[in-house]
C-alpha atoms as a PDB file:
ATOM      1  CA  UNK A   1     139.330  83.675 147.500  1.00  0.00           C
ATOM      2  CA  UNK A   2     139.474  86.577 149.560  1.00  0.00           C
ATOM      3  CA  UNK A   3     140.942  85.577 153.617  1.00  0.00           C
ATOM      4  CA  UNK A   4     140.666  87.297 156.467  1.00  0.00           C
ATOM      5  CA  UNK A   5     143.108  86.362 158.872  1.00  0.00           C
ATOM      6  CA  UNK A   6     142.224  87.562 162.376  1.00  0.00           C
ATOM      7  CA  UNK A   7     143.921  87.199 165.501  1.00  0.00           C
ATOM      8  CA  UNK A   8     141.718  86.794 168.652  1.00  0.00           C
ATOM      9  CA  UNK A   9     140.928  90.017 170.913  1.00  0.00           C
ATOM     10  CA  UNK A  10     142.844  90.849 174.395  1.00  0.00           C
ATOM     11  CA  UNK A  11     142.041  87.683 176.698  1.00  0.00           C
ATOM     12  CA  UNK A  12     142.636  87.654 180.423  1.00  0.00           C
ATOM     13  CA  UNK A  13     145.745  86.359 181.427  1.00  0.00           C
ATOM     14  CA  UNK A  14     144.591  83.520 183.860  1.00  0.00           C
ATOM     15  CA  UNK A  15     141.419  81.389 183.803  1.00  0.00           C
ATOM     16  CA  UNK A  16     141.511  79.334 186.989  1.00  0.00           C
ATOM     17  CA  UNK A  17     140.113  75.728 186.563  1.00  0.00           C
ATOM     18  CA  UNK A  18     139.734  76.843 183.263  1.00  0.00           C
ATOM     19  CA  UNK A  19     143.301  76.423 181.879  1.00  0.00           C
ATOM     20  CA  UNK A  20     144.520  78.293 178.978  1.00  0.00           C
ATOM     21  CA  UNK A  21     141.495  77.497 176.599  1.00  0.00           C
ATOM     22  CA  UNK A  22     139.400  78.593 178.767  1.00  0.00           C
ATOM     23  CA  UNK A  23     140.591  82.335 178.956  1.00  0.00           C
ATOM     24  CA  UNK A  24     138.231  85.023 177.872  1.00  0.00           C
ATOM     25  CA  UNK A  25     138.171  88.333 176.049  1.00  0.00           C
ATOM     26  CA  UNK A  26     138.410  91.373 178.594  1.00  0.00           C
ATOM     27  CA  UNK A  27     136.473  94.487 178.168  1.00  0.00           C
ATOM     28  CA  UNK A  28     139.415  96.250 176.664  1.00  0.00           C
ATOM     29  CA  UNK A  29     139.552  92.904 173.851  1.00  0.00           C
ATOM     30  CA  UNK A  30     135.980  93.415 173.102  1.00  0.00           C
ATOM     31  CA  UNK A  31     136.139  96.701 172.929  1.00  0.00           C
ATOM     32  CA  UNK A  32     138.649  96.750 170.389  1.00  0.00           C
ATOM     33  CA  UNK A  33     137.123  93.852 168.445  1.00  0.00           C
ATOM     34  CA  UNK A  34     134.075  95.454 168.073  1.00  0.00           C
ATOM     35  CA  UNK A  35     135.834  98.597 166.546  1.00  0.00           C
ATOM     36  CA  UNK A  36     137.692  96.490 164.026  1.00  0.00           C
ATOM     37  CA  UNK A  37     134.471  94.040 163.008  1.00  0.00           C
ATOM     38  CA  UNK A  38     132.392  97.363 162.468  1.00  0.00           C
ATOM     39  CA  UNK A  39     135.913  98.675 160.291  1.00  0.00           C
ATOM     40  CA  UNK A  40     135.506  95.117 158.238  1.00  0.00           C
ATOM     41  CA  UNK A  41     131.739  95.490 157.475  1.00  0.00           C
ATOM     42  CA  UNK A  42     131.809  98.608 156.666  1.00  0.00           C
ATOM     43  CA  UNK A  43     132.955  97.340 152.946  1.00  0.00           C
ATOM     44  CA  UNK A  44     131.844  94.631 151.006  1.00  0.00           C
ATOM     45  CA  UNK A  45     134.809  93.290 149.811  1.00  0.00           C
ATOM     46  CA  UNK A  46     135.975  92.947 153.647  1.00  0.00           C
ATOM     47  CA  UNK A  47     133.114  91.946 155.095  1.00  0.00           C
ATOM     48  CA  UNK A  48     133.129  88.284 155.910  1.00  0.00           C
ATOM     49  CA  UNK A  49     130.309  85.800 154.703  1.00  0.00           C
ATOM     50  CA  UNK A  50     131.935  83.066 156.597  1.00  0.00           C
ATOM     51  CA  UNK A  51     133.742  82.607 159.763  1.00  0.00           C
ATOM     52  CA  UNK A  52     135.733  79.934 160.738  1.00  0.00           C
ATOM     53  CA  UNK A  53     137.435  80.236 164.429  1.00  0.00           C
ATOM     54  CA  UNK A  54     139.586  78.464 166.865  1.00  0.00           C
ATOM     55  CA  UNK A  55     137.722  76.367 169.662  1.00  0.00           C
ATOM     56  CA  UNK A  56     139.472  78.084 172.681  1.00  0.00           C
ATOM     57  CA  UNK A  57     137.081  80.828 174.369  1.00  0.00           C
ATOM     58  CA  UNK A  58     138.749  84.435 173.328  1.00  0.00           C
ATOM     59  CA  UNK A  59     138.828  83.021 170.123  1.00  0.00           C
ATOM     60  CA  UNK A  60     135.083  81.993 169.345  1.00  0.00           C
ATOM     61  CA  UNK A  61     134.543  85.558 171.220  1.00  0.00           C
ATOM     62  CA  UNK A  62     136.262  87.492 168.939  1.00  0.00           C
ATOM     63  CA  UNK A  63     134.136  85.687 166.082  1.00  0.00           C
ATOM     64  CA  UNK A  64     130.896  86.077 167.577  1.00  0.00           C
ATOM     65  CA  UNK A  65     131.555  89.661 167.315  1.00  0.00           C
ATOM     66  CA  UNK A  66     132.812  89.901 163.734  1.00  0.00           C
ATOM     67  CA  UNK A  67     129.814  87.984 162.696  1.00  0.00           C
ATOM     68  CA  UNK A  68     126.837  90.289 164.276  1.00  0.00           C
ATOM     69  CA  UNK A  69     128.654  93.124 162.941  1.00  0.00           C
ATOM     70  CA  UNK A  70     128.636  91.414 159.671  1.00  0.00           C
ATOM     71  CA  UNK A  71     125.143  90.531 159.996  1.00  0.00           C
ATOM     72  CA  UNK A  72     125.944  86.550 159.873  1.00  0.00           C
ATOM     73  CA  UNK A  73     123.035  85.005 161.086  1.00  0.00           C
ATOM     74  CA  UNK A  74     124.564  81.319 160.793  1.00  0.00           C
ATOM     75  CA  UNK A  75     126.554  80.188 163.635  1.00  0.00           C
ATOM     76  CA  UNK A  76     130.981  80.366 163.358  1.00  0.00           C
ATOM     77  CA  UNK A  77     132.141  77.516 162.064  1.00  0.00           C
ATOM     78  CA  UNK A  78     134.281  75.942 164.715  1.00  0.00           C
ATOM     79  CA  UNK A  79     137.906  74.399 162.995  1.00  0.00           C
ATOM     80  CA  UNK A  80     140.154  72.504 164.903  1.00  0.00           C
ATOM     81  CA  UNK A  81     143.073  73.267 162.780  1.00  0.00           C
ATOM     82  CA  UNK A  82     142.908  76.818 163.989  1.00  0.00           C
ATOM     83  CA  UNK A  83     143.655  75.618 167.265  1.00  0.00           C
ATOM     84  CA  UNK A  84     147.134  76.778 168.774  1.00  0.00           C
ATOM     85  CA  UNK A  85     150.233  74.764 167.496  1.00  0.00           C
ATOM     86  CA  UNK A  86     148.535  73.016 164.851  1.00  0.00           C
ATOM     87  CA  UNK A  87     150.182  72.307 161.733  1.00  0.00           C
ATOM     88  CA  UNK A  88     149.592  74.739 159.095  1.00  0.00           C
ATOM     89  CA  UNK A  89     149.459  72.029 156.311  1.00  0.00           C
ATOM     90  CA  UNK A  90     145.989  71.262 158.064  1.00  0.00           C
ATOM     91  CA  UNK A  91     144.522  74.444 157.532  1.00  0.00           C
ATOM     92  CA  UNK A  92     145.859  75.046 153.912  1.00  0.00           C
ATOM     93  CA  UNK A  93     143.987  71.665 153.129  1.00  0.00           C
ATOM     94  CA  UNK A  94     140.735  72.915 154.381  1.00  0.00           C
ATOM     95  CA  UNK A  95     141.229  76.578 152.376  1.00  0.00           C
ATOM     96  CA  UNK A  96     142.053  75.170 149.383  1.00  0.00           C
ATOM     97  CA  UNK A  97     138.862  72.879 149.445  1.00  0.00           C
ATOM     98  CA  UNK A  98     136.517  76.495 150.288  1.00  0.00           C
ATOM     99  CA  UNK A  99     134.247  77.539 147.419  1.00  0.00           C
ATOM    100  CA  UNK A 100     132.985  80.450 149.072  1.00  0.00           C
ATOM    101  CA  UNK A 101     132.691  83.644 147.159  1.00  0.00           C
ATOM    102  CA  UNK A 102     132.346  85.888 150.105  1.00  0.00           C
ATOM    103  CA  UNK A 103     135.684  86.510 152.132  1.00  0.00           C
ATOM    104  CA  UNK A 104     136.598  83.707 154.541  1.00  0.00           C
ATOM    105  CA  UNK A 105     137.522  85.105 158.025  1.00  0.00           C
ATOM    106  CA  UNK A 106     139.830  82.873 160.075  1.00  0.00           C
ATOM    107  CA  UNK A 107     140.124  83.554 163.914  1.00  0.00           C
ATOM    108  CA  UNK A 108     142.959  82.268 165.853  1.00  0.00           C
ATOM    109  CA  UNK A 109     146.206  82.583 167.632  1.00  0.00           C
ATOM    110  CA  UNK A 110     149.769  83.310 167.380  1.00  0.00           C
ATOM    111  CA  UNK A 111     152.341  82.377 165.973  1.00  0.00           C
ATOM    112  CA  UNK A 112     150.055  79.817 164.185  1.00  0.00           C
ATOM    113  CA  UNK A 113     148.589  82.924 162.074  1.00  0.00           C
ATOM    114  CA  UNK A 114     151.701  84.695 161.144  1.00  0.00           C
ATOM    115  CA  UNK A 115     153.124  81.092 160.234  1.00  0.00           C
ATOM    116  CA  UNK A 116     149.764  80.597 158.140  1.00  0.00           C
ATOM    117  CA  UNK A 117     150.020  84.395 155.989  1.00  0.00           C
ATOM    118  CA  UNK A 118     153.827  83.058 155.518  1.00  0.00           C
ATOM    119  CA  UNK A 119     152.378  79.628 153.910  1.00  0.00           C
ATOM    120  CA  UNK A 120     149.973  81.780 152.078  1.00  0.00           C
ATOM    121  CA  UNK A 121     151.785  84.559 150.791  1.00  0.00           C
ATOM    122  CA  UNK A 122     155.406  82.601 150.154  1.00  0.00           C
ATOM    123  CA  UNK A 123     158.837  83.651 150.554  1.00  0.00           C
ATOM    124  CA  UNK A 124     159.570  87.266 151.986  1.00  0.00           C
ATOM    125  CA  UNK A 125     155.622  88.395 151.689  1.00  0.00           C
ATOM    126  CA  UNK A 126     155.443  88.200 155.599  1.00  0.00           C
ATOM    127  CA  UNK A 127     158.497  86.652 156.835  1.00  0.00           C
ATOM    128  CA  UNK A 128     159.198  88.216 160.482  1.00  0.00           C
ATOM    129  CA  UNK A 129     155.846  89.869 160.929  1.00  0.00           C
ATOM    130  CA  UNK A 130     153.330  89.159 163.486  1.00  0.00           C
ATOM    131  CA  UNK A 131     149.758  89.871 164.078  1.00  0.00           C
ATOM    132  CA  UNK A 132     148.814  92.247 167.310  1.00  0.00           C
ATOM    133  CA  UNK A 133     145.639  91.214 168.985  1.00  0.00           C
ATOM    134  CA  UNK A 134     142.287  91.700 166.712  1.00  0.00           C
ATOM    135  CA  UNK A 135     144.698  92.206 164.278  1.00  0.00           C
ATOM    136  CA  UNK A 136     143.812  91.752 160.414  1.00  0.00           C
ATOM    137  CA  UNK A 137     145.335  90.429 157.699  1.00  0.00           C
ATOM    138  CA  UNK A 138     143.678  90.371 154.165  1.00  0.00           C
ATOM    139  CA  UNK A 139     144.978  87.751 151.401  1.00  0.00           C
ATOM    140  CA  UNK A 140     143.992  86.890 147.937  1.00  0.00           C
ATOM    141  CA  UNK A 141     144.795  83.007 147.236  1.00  0.00           C
ATOM    142  CA  UNK A 142     143.484  81.011 144.491  1.00  0.00           C
ATOM    143  CA  UNK A 143     144.436  77.657 146.395  1.00  0.00           C
ATOM    144  CA  UNK A 144     147.391  77.069 144.172  1.00  0.00           C
ATOM    145  CA  UNK A 145     150.322  79.676 144.324  1.00  0.00           C
ATOM    146  CA  UNK A 146     151.835  82.308 146.348  1.00  0.00           C
ATOM    147  CA  UNK A 147     148.997  84.658 147.384  1.00  0.00           C
ATOM    148  CA  UNK A 148     148.681  88.390 147.197  1.00  0.00           C
ATOM    149  CA  UNK A 149     148.777  90.622 150.428  1.00  0.00           C
ATOM    150  CA  UNK A 150     145.586  93.117 150.048  1.00  0.00           C
ATOM    151  CA  UNK A 151     146.294  94.725 153.560  1.00  0.00           C
ATOM    152  CA  UNK A 152     146.944  94.779 157.071  1.00  0.00           C
ATOM    153  CA  UNK A 153     145.007  96.921 159.166  1.00  0.00           C
ATOM    154  CA  UNK A 154     146.774  99.528 161.355  1.00  0.00           C
ATOM    155  CA  UNK A 155     144.652  99.270 164.554  1.00  0.00           C
ATOM    156  CA  UNK A 156     145.730 102.814 166.009  1.00  0.00           C
ATOM    157  CA  UNK A 157     144.890 104.668 162.744  1.00  0.00           C
ATOM    158  CA  UNK A 158     141.832 101.951 161.575  1.00  0.00           C
ATOM    159  CA  UNK A 159     142.831 102.427 158.173  1.00  0.00           C
ATOM    160  CA  UNK A 160     144.153  99.591 155.909  1.00  0.00           C
ATOM    161  CA  UNK A 161     147.967  99.723 154.977  1.00  0.00           C
ATOM    162  CA  UNK A 162     150.282  97.472 152.906  1.00  0.00           C
ATOM    163  CA  UNK A 163     153.233  96.437 154.168  1.00  0.00           C
ATOM    164  CA  UNK A 164     156.390  97.536 151.815  1.00  0.00           C
ATOM    165  CA  UNK A 165     159.217  94.776 151.664  1.00  0.00           C
ATOM    166  CA  UNK A 166     162.401  96.052 153.044  1.00  0.00           C
ATOM    167  CA  UNK A 167     163.935  96.475 149.448  1.00  0.00           C
ATOM    168  CA  UNK A 168     161.288  99.006 148.571  1.00  0.00           C
ATOM    169  CA  UNK A 169     162.276 101.370 151.451  1.00  0.00           C
ATOM    170  CA  UNK A 170     165.592 101.841 150.907  1.00  0.00           C
ATOM    171  CA  UNK A 171     166.098 105.630 149.274  1.00  0.00           C
ATOM    172  CA  UNK A 172     166.238 106.392 145.416  1.00  0.00           C
ATOM    173  CA  UNK A 173     169.360 106.546 144.514  1.00  0.00           C
ATOM    174  CA  UNK A 174     170.968 110.404 143.497  1.00  0.00           C
ATOM    175  CA  UNK A 175     171.625 110.848 139.938  1.00  0.00           C
END
């Protein structure tokens, strides 16, 4: 299964009388999310066929922008397990039961999303990294063992990159 893990876009800092759950996307957040959504929709292997989102307003708005760009006509699915501070095991259980053939997009929050990526990739695959707002990480996962990092989106260049592990970054020894 192909999983697109997406952090919500930039949101207002304060939503009087609505609390954290009511915070909505800023103009900057909507603009960047639309760019990301168009980029995802350009290629079939990264265009979501289904979207699950946290119930918080900023995540739902992000998910709706992505759904629109992907041409999805069904509603996005609000999944409580994508709420902040939920146990990663809950979303892993749901993912292991998912049967869709097209990429599944999960829209949520930090640090929960980075914890999810770490759980999907196993030791060392994502440790210490985090998603920026409107950021995307793609993982291939068979529902059993560690998954494979397909790409992380470089938001400035709008380009898919694969992070290189520290061990691979060391310069080769001179002979």
